[in-house]
């Protein structure tokens, strides 16, 4: 549970009625910062701060997302900083691996590993690079598929064909 953090973001005044206050703003009369509430089987977390008030990779925002939706079903590892975007096209998923570390000149073809949680995303038949159509090396283990490929300097597109 987050207990309190500094008010350094634009926020709205909130009064918790049915929800449980999980965090307060330090120095702002302990006003609610995060309020949790249950709705049947569902759960909500309300932040009184604007989303833009949380910097990128902020631990508080990460904690809230993790509590609401759990661990990400797709993870990426490489020497550079990457972001993943995903879109459905028919029965396939398109994964866009975006290189965010382009300052200073990105090298072509960096080895990257992507892990897909098949318990969340469903079974994977094959993965190919778009537009080349080349297959991507994949290894299967219980509950996950691991992909290994050379990432492009800016954006690499993968088509994940589900079974």
N, C-alpha and C. Protein backbone atom coordinates (compact mmCIF):
# COMPACT_ATOMS: atom_id res chain seq x y z
N UNK A 1 0.84 -1.19 0.00
CA UNK A 1 0.00 0.00 0.00
C UNK A 1 0.88 1.24 0.00
N UNK A 2 0.57 2.16 -0.83
CA UNK A 2 1.26 3.45 -0.87
C UNK A 2 0.68 4.27 0.28
N UNK A 3 1.51 4.86 1.09
CA UNK A 3 0.95 5.60 2.23
C UNK A 3 0.82 7.09 1.95
N UNK A 4 1.91 7.72 1.51
CA UNK A 4 1.82 9.14 1.19
C UNK A 4 2.95 9.52 0.26
N UNK A 5 2.75 10.55 -0.54
CA UNK A 5 3.80 11.08 -1.37
C UNK A 5 3.60 12.57 -1.56
N UNK A 6 4.66 13.24 -2.02
CA UNK A 6 4.63 14.70 -2.13
C UNK A 6 3.69 15.16 -3.23
N UNK A 7 3.05 16.26 -2.99
CA UNK A 7 2.17 16.85 -3.99
C UNK A 7 3.04 17.70 -4.91
N UNK A 8 3.40 17.10 -6.05
CA UNK A 8 4.20 17.85 -7.02
C UNK A 8 3.54 17.73 -8.39
N UNK A 9 2.25 17.40 -8.39
CA UNK A 9 1.52 17.25 -9.64
C UNK A 9 0.18 17.97 -9.53
N UNK A 10 -0.37 18.40 -10.67
CA UNK A 10 -1.70 18.99 -10.63
C UNK A 10 -2.69 17.95 -10.10
N UNK A 11 -3.54 18.34 -9.17
CA UNK A 11 -4.49 17.39 -8.58
C UNK A 11 -5.82 18.08 -8.36
N UNK A 12 -6.84 17.25 -8.24
CA UNK A 12 -8.17 17.76 -7.92
C UNK A 12 -8.50 17.37 -6.48
N UNK A 13 -9.34 18.16 -5.85
CA UNK A 13 -9.73 17.86 -4.48
C UNK A 13 -10.72 16.71 -4.48
N UNK A 14 -10.44 15.72 -3.64
CA UNK A 14 -11.24 14.50 -3.59
C UNK A 14 -11.65 14.23 -2.16
N UNK A 15 -12.88 13.73 -2.00
CA UNK A 15 -13.33 13.29 -0.69
C UNK A 15 -13.78 11.83 -0.86
N UNK A 16 -13.14 10.93 -0.14
CA UNK A 16 -13.50 9.51 -0.23
C UNK A 16 -14.80 9.27 0.52
N UNK A 17 -15.73 8.61 -0.13
CA UNK A 17 -17.00 8.29 0.53
C UNK A 17 -17.07 6.78 0.77
N UNK A 18 -17.22 6.00 -0.27
CA UNK A 18 -17.31 4.54 -0.10
C UNK A 18 -15.97 3.86 -0.29
N UNK A 19 -15.01 4.53 -0.89
CA UNK A 19 -13.70 3.93 -1.17
C UNK A 19 -12.76 4.02 0.02
N UNK A 20 -11.68 3.24 -0.07
CA UNK A 20 -10.64 3.23 0.96
C UNK A 20 -9.47 4.07 0.46
N UNK A 21 -9.01 5.02 1.28
CA UNK A 21 -7.88 5.87 0.92
C UNK A 21 -6.60 5.04 1.05
N UNK A 22 -5.89 4.87 -0.08
CA UNK A 22 -4.64 4.11 -0.09
C UNK A 22 -3.42 4.99 0.02
N UNK A 23 -3.55 6.26 -0.36
CA UNK A 23 -2.43 7.19 -0.30
C UNK A 23 -2.96 8.60 -0.10
N UNK A 24 -2.17 9.41 0.57
CA UNK A 24 -2.54 10.81 0.77
C UNK A 24 -1.43 11.70 0.26
N UNK A 25 -1.79 12.96 0.00
CA UNK A 25 -0.80 13.95 -0.42
C UNK A 25 -0.17 14.55 0.83
N UNK A 26 1.12 14.39 0.98
CA UNK A 26 1.85 14.99 2.10
C UNK A 26 1.89 16.49 1.88
N UNK A 27 1.59 17.25 2.91
CA UNK A 27 1.66 18.71 2.82
C UNK A 27 0.43 19.33 2.19
N UNK A 28 -0.60 18.57 1.92
CA UNK A 28 -1.84 19.11 1.36
C UNK A 28 -3.00 18.68 2.24
N UNK A 29 -2.82 18.89 3.54
CA UNK A 29 -3.83 18.53 4.54
C UNK A 29 -4.21 17.06 4.45
N UNK A 30 -3.23 16.22 4.03
CA UNK A 30 -3.45 14.77 3.88
C UNK A 30 -4.66 14.46 3.01
N UNK A 31 -4.86 15.24 1.97
CA UNK A 31 -5.96 15.00 1.03
C UNK A 31 -5.74 13.66 0.33
N UNK A 32 -6.82 12.93 0.01
CA UNK A 32 -6.66 11.64 -0.67
C UNK A 32 -5.96 11.79 -2.02
N UNK A 33 -4.96 10.96 -2.23
CA UNK A 33 -4.26 10.92 -3.52
C UNK A 33 -4.72 9.71 -4.33
N UNK A 34 -4.89 8.57 -3.66
CA UNK A 34 -5.36 7.34 -4.30
C UNK A 34 -6.51 6.78 -3.47
N UNK A 35 -7.62 6.49 -4.14
CA UNK A 35 -8.78 5.90 -3.47
C UNK A 35 -9.12 4.59 -4.18
N UNK A 36 -9.23 3.50 -3.41
CA UNK A 36 -9.57 2.17 -3.94
C UNK A 36 -11.02 1.88 -3.63
N UNK A 37 -11.68 1.21 -4.58
CA UNK A 37 -13.07 0.84 -4.36
C UNK A 37 -13.37 -0.49 -5.04
N UNK A 38 -14.25 -1.27 -4.45
CA UNK A 38 -14.70 -2.55 -5.00
C UNK A 38 -16.09 -2.36 -5.60
N UNK A 39 -16.31 -2.95 -6.77
CA UNK A 39 -17.62 -2.96 -7.42
C UNK A 39 -17.90 -4.39 -7.83
N UNK A 40 -18.61 -5.14 -7.03
CA UNK A 40 -18.84 -6.55 -7.33
C UNK A 40 -17.52 -7.27 -7.38
N UNK A 41 -17.19 -7.88 -8.53
CA UNK A 41 -15.91 -8.56 -8.70
C UNK A 41 -14.82 -7.61 -9.20
N UNK A 42 -15.21 -6.40 -9.58
CA UNK A 42 -14.26 -5.45 -10.12
C UNK A 42 -13.65 -4.57 -9.05
N UNK A 43 -12.57 -3.88 -9.42
CA UNK A 43 -11.89 -2.99 -8.50
C UNK A 43 -11.43 -1.76 -9.27
N UNK A 44 -11.51 -0.62 -8.63
CA UNK A 44 -11.03 0.61 -9.26
C UNK A 44 -10.03 1.30 -8.35
N UNK A 45 -9.11 1.99 -8.97
CA UNK A 45 -8.17 2.84 -8.27
C UNK A 45 -8.30 4.22 -8.89
N UNK A 46 -8.59 5.21 -8.07
CA UNK A 46 -8.75 6.57 -8.55
C UNK A 46 -7.60 7.41 -8.04
N UNK A 47 -6.96 8.13 -8.95
CA UNK A 47 -5.88 9.04 -8.56
C UNK A 47 -6.39 10.46 -8.74
N UNK A 48 -6.18 11.28 -7.74
CA UNK A 48 -6.62 12.67 -7.85
C UNK A 48 -5.63 13.52 -8.64
N UNK A 49 -4.51 12.93 -9.05
CA UNK A 49 -3.54 13.65 -9.88
C UNK A 49 -3.82 13.37 -11.35
N UNK A 50 -3.55 14.35 -12.18
CA UNK A 50 -3.67 14.15 -13.61
C UNK A 50 -2.62 13.15 -14.06
N UNK A 51 -2.94 12.35 -15.09
CA UNK A 51 -1.99 11.37 -15.60
C UNK A 51 -0.68 12.04 -16.02
N UNK A 52 -0.78 13.24 -16.57
CA UNK A 52 0.42 13.96 -17.01
C UNK A 52 1.30 14.38 -15.83
N UNK A 53 0.75 14.32 -14.62
CA UNK A 53 1.53 14.68 -13.44
C UNK A 53 2.52 13.61 -13.03
N UNK A 54 2.37 12.39 -13.56
CA UNK A 54 3.31 11.31 -13.25
C UNK A 54 4.36 11.25 -14.35
N UNK A 55 5.63 11.37 -14.01
CA UNK A 55 6.66 11.26 -15.04
C UNK A 55 6.71 9.85 -15.61
N UNK A 56 7.30 9.72 -16.81
CA UNK A 56 7.45 8.40 -17.44
C UNK A 56 8.23 7.48 -16.51
N UNK A 57 7.79 6.23 -16.42
CA UNK A 57 8.41 5.21 -15.56
C UNK A 57 8.31 5.54 -14.08
N UNK A 58 7.32 6.32 -13.69
CA UNK A 58 7.13 6.68 -12.29
C UNK A 58 6.73 5.44 -11.49
N UNK A 59 7.37 5.19 -10.35
CA UNK A 59 7.04 3.98 -9.58
C UNK A 59 5.60 3.97 -9.06
N UNK A 60 5.03 5.13 -8.76
CA UNK A 60 3.66 5.17 -8.28
C UNK A 60 2.70 4.74 -9.39
N UNK A 61 2.88 5.27 -10.59
CA UNK A 61 2.03 4.89 -11.71
C UNK A 61 2.20 3.40 -12.02
N UNK A 62 3.42 2.91 -11.96
CA UNK A 62 3.68 1.49 -12.18
C UNK A 62 3.00 0.61 -11.14
N UNK A 63 3.04 1.05 -9.90
CA UNK A 63 2.38 0.32 -8.81
C UNK A 63 0.87 0.26 -9.03
N UNK A 64 0.28 1.38 -9.43
CA UNK A 64 -1.16 1.40 -9.66
C UNK A 64 -1.55 0.50 -10.83
N UNK A 65 -0.82 0.58 -11.92
CA UNK A 65 -1.12 -0.27 -13.08
C UNK A 65 -0.96 -1.74 -12.72
N UNK A 66 0.08 -2.07 -11.98
CA UNK A 66 0.30 -3.45 -11.58
C UNK A 66 -0.81 -3.98 -10.70
N UNK A 67 -1.32 -3.14 -9.83
CA UNK A 67 -2.41 -3.57 -8.94
C UNK A 67 -3.72 -3.75 -9.69
N UNK A 68 -3.93 -2.96 -10.74
CA UNK A 68 -5.17 -3.08 -11.50
C UNK A 68 -5.13 -4.19 -12.54
N UNK A 69 -4.06 -4.27 -13.30
CA UNK A 69 -4.03 -5.21 -14.42
C UNK A 69 -2.99 -6.30 -14.30
N UNK A 70 -2.16 -6.27 -13.29
CA UNK A 70 -1.15 -7.31 -13.14
C UNK A 70 0.07 -7.06 -13.99
N UNK A 71 0.93 -8.06 -14.03
CA UNK A 71 2.17 -7.95 -14.80
C UNK A 71 1.86 -7.85 -16.29
N UNK A 72 2.69 -7.15 -17.05
CA UNK A 72 2.43 -7.04 -18.48
C UNK A 72 2.54 -8.41 -19.15
N UNK A 73 1.65 -8.72 -20.11
CA UNK A 73 1.69 -10.02 -20.77
C UNK A 73 2.79 -10.14 -21.81
N UNK A 74 3.41 -9.02 -22.18
CA UNK A 74 4.51 -9.03 -23.13
C UNK A 74 5.64 -8.20 -22.54
N UNK A 75 6.85 -8.80 -22.47
CA UNK A 75 8.01 -8.08 -21.93
C UNK A 75 9.12 -8.09 -22.98
N UNK A 76 9.95 -7.05 -22.95
CA UNK A 76 11.06 -6.96 -23.90
C UNK A 76 12.35 -6.71 -23.16
N UNK A 77 13.43 -7.34 -23.65
CA UNK A 77 14.76 -7.16 -23.08
C UNK A 77 15.75 -6.90 -24.21
N UNK A 78 16.58 -5.91 -24.01
CA UNK A 78 17.64 -5.57 -24.96
C UNK A 78 18.55 -4.55 -24.32
N UNK A 79 19.61 -4.19 -25.03
CA UNK A 79 20.56 -3.20 -24.47
C UNK A 79 20.00 -1.79 -24.50
N UNK A 80 19.08 -1.53 -25.39
CA UNK A 80 18.49 -0.19 -25.52
C UNK A 80 17.15 -0.13 -24.81
N UNK A 81 16.57 1.07 -24.74
CA UNK A 81 15.24 1.25 -24.15
C UNK A 81 14.20 1.09 -25.24
N UNK A 82 13.24 0.19 -25.01
CA UNK A 82 12.19 -0.08 -25.99
C UNK A 82 10.81 0.14 -25.38
N UNK A 83 9.85 0.40 -26.26
CA UNK A 83 8.43 0.44 -25.91
C UNK A 83 7.73 -0.54 -26.84
N UNK A 84 6.69 -1.15 -26.34
CA UNK A 84 5.90 -2.08 -27.14
C UNK A 84 4.52 -1.50 -27.36
N UNK A 85 4.06 -1.54 -28.59
CA UNK A 85 2.68 -1.20 -28.94
C UNK A 85 2.09 -2.45 -29.57
N UNK A 86 0.81 -2.69 -29.33
CA UNK A 86 0.19 -3.90 -29.83
C UNK A 86 -1.15 -3.54 -30.46
N UNK A 87 -1.46 -4.23 -31.57
CA UNK A 87 -2.71 -4.01 -32.26
C UNK A 87 -3.19 -5.35 -32.83
N UNK A 88 -4.48 -5.56 -32.84
CA UNK A 88 -5.02 -6.80 -33.40
C UNK A 88 -5.35 -6.58 -34.87
N UNK A 89 -4.99 -7.57 -35.70
CA UNK A 89 -5.34 -7.54 -37.12
C UNK A 89 -5.85 -8.93 -37.47
N UNK A 90 -7.18 -9.07 -37.57
CA UNK A 90 -7.78 -10.39 -37.79
C UNK A 90 -7.50 -11.29 -36.59
N UNK A 91 -6.98 -12.47 -36.86
CA UNK A 91 -6.64 -13.41 -35.79
C UNK A 91 -5.20 -13.23 -35.31
N UNK A 92 -4.49 -12.27 -35.88
CA UNK A 92 -3.10 -12.04 -35.52
C UNK A 92 -2.97 -10.81 -34.62
N UNK A 93 -1.84 -10.74 -33.95
CA UNK A 93 -1.48 -9.54 -33.20
C UNK A 93 -0.28 -8.91 -33.89
N UNK A 94 -0.28 -7.61 -34.01
CA UNK A 94 0.90 -6.90 -34.51
C UNK A 94 1.59 -6.27 -33.32
N UNK A 95 2.86 -6.60 -33.13
CA UNK A 95 3.67 -6.00 -32.07
C UNK A 95 4.64 -5.03 -32.71
N UNK A 96 4.65 -3.80 -32.23
CA UNK A 96 5.57 -2.79 -32.72
C UNK A 96 6.61 -2.58 -31.63
N UNK A 97 7.85 -2.93 -31.92
CA UNK A 97 8.96 -2.76 -30.98
C UNK A 97 9.63 -1.45 -31.35
N UNK A 98 9.44 -0.44 -30.51
CA UNK A 98 9.92 0.92 -30.82
C UNK A 98 11.17 1.20 -30.01
N UNK A 99 12.26 1.48 -30.73
CA UNK A 99 13.53 1.82 -30.10
C UNK A 99 13.45 3.26 -29.61
N UNK A 100 13.54 3.47 -28.30
CA UNK A 100 13.47 4.81 -27.72
C UNK A 100 14.85 5.39 -27.47
N UNK A 101 15.91 4.64 -27.78
CA UNK A 101 17.28 5.09 -27.51
C UNK A 101 17.99 5.47 -28.80
N UNK A 102 17.34 6.27 -29.62
CA UNK A 102 17.93 6.60 -30.92
C UNK A 102 18.94 7.73 -30.85
N UNK A 103 18.99 8.45 -29.76
CA UNK A 103 19.98 9.54 -29.64
C UNK A 103 21.38 8.95 -29.69
N UNK A 104 22.26 9.58 -30.41
CA UNK A 104 23.63 9.09 -30.50
C UNK A 104 23.81 8.05 -31.58
N UNK A 105 22.79 7.83 -32.41
CA UNK A 105 22.92 6.90 -33.52
C UNK A 105 22.68 5.46 -33.12
N UNK A 106 21.57 4.93 -33.53
CA UNK A 106 21.24 3.54 -33.20
C UNK A 106 21.94 2.61 -34.16
N UNK A 107 22.48 1.57 -33.62
CA UNK A 107 23.12 0.55 -34.46
C UNK A 107 22.05 -0.28 -35.13
N UNK A 108 22.37 -0.80 -36.31
CA UNK A 108 21.39 -1.66 -36.96
C UNK A 108 21.50 -3.06 -36.41
N UNK A 109 20.37 -3.69 -36.23
CA UNK A 109 20.33 -5.08 -35.84
C UNK A 109 20.82 -5.41 -34.44
N UNK A 110 20.13 -4.92 -33.44
CA UNK A 110 20.48 -5.27 -32.07
C UNK A 110 19.69 -6.51 -31.65
N UNK A 111 20.34 -7.51 -31.01
CA UNK A 111 19.58 -8.67 -30.55
C UNK A 111 18.61 -8.29 -29.43
N UNK A 112 17.37 -8.76 -29.55
CA UNK A 112 16.31 -8.44 -28.61
C UNK A 112 15.58 -9.73 -28.26
N UNK A 113 15.07 -9.79 -27.03
CA UNK A 113 14.26 -10.93 -26.60
C UNK A 113 12.91 -10.41 -26.12
N UNK A 114 11.83 -10.97 -26.64
CA UNK A 114 10.47 -10.64 -26.25
C UNK A 114 9.84 -11.91 -25.67
N UNK A 115 9.21 -11.78 -24.49
CA UNK A 115 8.52 -12.90 -23.87
C UNK A 115 7.03 -12.61 -23.83
N UNK A 116 6.24 -13.56 -24.35
CA UNK A 116 4.79 -13.42 -24.38
C UNK A 116 4.19 -14.42 -23.39
N UNK A 117 3.37 -13.92 -22.47
CA UNK A 117 2.68 -14.76 -21.50
C UNK A 117 1.49 -15.40 -22.20
N UNK A 118 1.61 -16.69 -22.55
CA UNK A 118 0.54 -17.35 -23.30
C UNK A 118 -0.68 -17.67 -22.43
N UNK A 119 -0.53 -17.65 -21.12
CA UNK A 119 -1.70 -17.83 -20.25
C UNK A 119 -2.65 -16.64 -20.40
N UNK A 120 -2.10 -15.47 -20.70
CA UNK A 120 -2.90 -14.26 -20.89
C UNK A 120 -3.24 -14.04 -22.36
N UNK A 121 -2.25 -14.19 -23.24
CA UNK A 121 -2.40 -13.86 -24.65
C UNK A 121 -2.92 -15.01 -25.50
N UNK A 122 -2.91 -16.22 -24.99
CA UNK A 122 -3.34 -17.38 -25.76
C UNK A 122 -2.17 -18.02 -26.48
N UNK A 123 -2.39 -19.23 -27.04
CA UNK A 123 -1.32 -19.95 -27.70
C UNK A 123 -0.82 -19.24 -28.97
N UNK A 124 0.45 -19.39 -29.27
CA UNK A 124 1.08 -18.76 -30.42
C UNK A 124 1.52 -19.85 -31.39
N UNK A 125 1.09 -19.74 -32.67
CA UNK A 125 1.47 -20.71 -33.69
C UNK A 125 2.84 -20.36 -34.26
N UNK A 126 3.01 -19.10 -34.67
CA UNK A 126 4.29 -18.65 -35.25
C UNK A 126 4.38 -17.14 -35.16
N UNK A 127 5.58 -16.62 -35.38
CA UNK A 127 5.82 -15.19 -35.37
C UNK A 127 6.71 -14.87 -36.56
N UNK A 128 6.39 -13.78 -37.27
CA UNK A 128 7.19 -13.38 -38.43
C UNK A 128 7.43 -11.89 -38.41
N UNK A 129 8.55 -11.49 -39.00
CA UNK A 129 8.85 -10.06 -39.14
C UNK A 129 8.03 -9.49 -40.30
N UNK A 130 7.54 -8.29 -40.14
CA UNK A 130 6.79 -7.60 -41.18
C UNK A 130 7.63 -6.42 -41.62
N UNK A 131 7.85 -6.15 -42.87
CA UNK A 131 7.23 -6.75 -44.04
C UNK A 131 8.02 -7.92 -44.62
N UNK A 132 9.18 -8.24 -44.05
CA UNK A 132 10.05 -9.25 -44.66
C UNK A 132 9.44 -10.64 -44.71
N UNK A 133 8.54 -10.97 -43.78
CA UNK A 133 7.94 -12.30 -43.75
C UNK A 133 8.87 -13.36 -43.18
N UNK A 134 10.04 -12.95 -42.72
CA UNK A 134 10.98 -13.91 -42.16
C UNK A 134 10.47 -14.39 -40.80
N UNK A 135 10.63 -15.68 -40.55
CA UNK A 135 10.21 -16.22 -39.25
C UNK A 135 11.16 -15.73 -38.17
N UNK A 136 10.64 -15.65 -36.99
CA UNK A 136 11.41 -15.23 -35.83
C UNK A 136 11.68 -16.47 -34.99
N UNK A 137 12.91 -16.58 -34.47
CA UNK A 137 13.22 -17.72 -33.61
C UNK A 137 12.37 -17.68 -32.35
N UNK A 138 11.70 -18.79 -32.05
CA UNK A 138 10.91 -18.80 -30.82
C UNK A 138 11.13 -20.11 -30.09
N UNK A 139 11.09 -19.99 -28.79
CA UNK A 139 11.17 -21.17 -27.92
C UNK A 139 9.96 -21.14 -27.01
N UNK A 140 9.45 -22.33 -26.73
CA UNK A 140 8.24 -22.45 -25.92
C UNK A 140 8.60 -23.05 -24.56
N UNK A 141 7.95 -22.54 -23.55
CA UNK A 141 8.01 -23.14 -22.23
C UNK A 141 6.62 -23.00 -21.63
N UNK A 142 6.36 -23.68 -20.56
CA UNK A 142 5.02 -23.65 -20.00
C UNK A 142 4.60 -22.22 -19.65
N UNK A 143 3.50 -21.78 -20.26
CA UNK A 143 2.95 -20.47 -19.96
C UNK A 143 3.58 -19.30 -20.69
N UNK A 144 4.57 -19.56 -21.58
CA UNK A 144 5.23 -18.44 -22.25
C UNK A 144 5.87 -18.89 -23.57
N UNK A 145 6.04 -17.91 -24.45
CA UNK A 145 6.80 -18.08 -25.68
C UNK A 145 7.86 -16.99 -25.67
N UNK A 146 9.09 -17.37 -25.99
CA UNK A 146 10.19 -16.40 -26.02
C UNK A 146 10.63 -16.22 -27.47
N UNK A 147 10.72 -14.96 -27.90
CA UNK A 147 11.11 -14.62 -29.26
C UNK A 147 12.50 -13.99 -29.24
N UNK A 148 13.33 -14.35 -30.19
CA UNK A 148 14.65 -13.71 -30.33
C UNK A 148 14.81 -13.27 -31.77
N UNK A 149 15.20 -11.99 -31.94
CA UNK A 149 15.35 -11.44 -33.27
C UNK A 149 16.26 -10.22 -33.21
N UNK A 150 16.63 -9.74 -34.39
CA UNK A 150 17.43 -8.52 -34.50
C UNK A 150 16.47 -7.35 -34.69
N UNK A 151 16.49 -6.39 -33.77
CA UNK A 151 15.60 -5.23 -33.84
C UNK A 151 16.15 -4.20 -34.81
N UNK A 152 15.25 -3.56 -35.53
CA UNK A 152 15.61 -2.47 -36.44
C UNK A 152 16.01 -1.24 -35.62
N UNK A 153 16.73 -0.29 -36.24
CA UNK A 153 17.15 0.91 -35.51
C UNK A 153 16.01 1.76 -34.97
N UNK A 154 14.84 1.74 -35.60
CA UNK A 154 13.73 2.57 -35.11
C UNK A 154 12.54 1.72 -34.66
N UNK A 155 11.84 1.06 -35.60
CA UNK A 155 10.66 0.27 -35.26
C UNK A 155 10.75 -1.10 -35.95
N UNK A 156 10.51 -2.14 -35.18
CA UNK A 156 10.42 -3.50 -35.72
C UNK A 156 8.98 -3.96 -35.54
N UNK A 157 8.38 -4.49 -36.61
CA UNK A 157 7.01 -4.97 -36.55
C UNK A 157 7.01 -6.49 -36.63
N UNK A 158 6.31 -7.11 -35.69
CA UNK A 158 6.17 -8.55 -35.65
C UNK A 158 4.70 -8.92 -35.78
N UNK A 159 4.42 -9.96 -36.57
CA UNK A 159 3.06 -10.50 -36.65
C UNK A 159 3.05 -11.78 -35.82
N UNK A 160 2.22 -11.80 -34.79
CA UNK A 160 2.08 -12.97 -33.93
C UNK A 160 0.80 -13.67 -34.36
N UNK A 161 0.97 -14.87 -34.93
CA UNK A 161 -0.17 -15.66 -35.41
C UNK A 161 -0.55 -16.61 -34.29
N UNK A 162 -1.79 -16.46 -33.83
CA UNK A 162 -2.27 -17.30 -32.73
C UNK A 162 -2.91 -18.56 -33.27
N UNK A 163 -2.90 -19.60 -32.47
CA UNK A 163 -3.49 -20.88 -32.87
C UNK A 163 -4.99 -20.83 -32.78
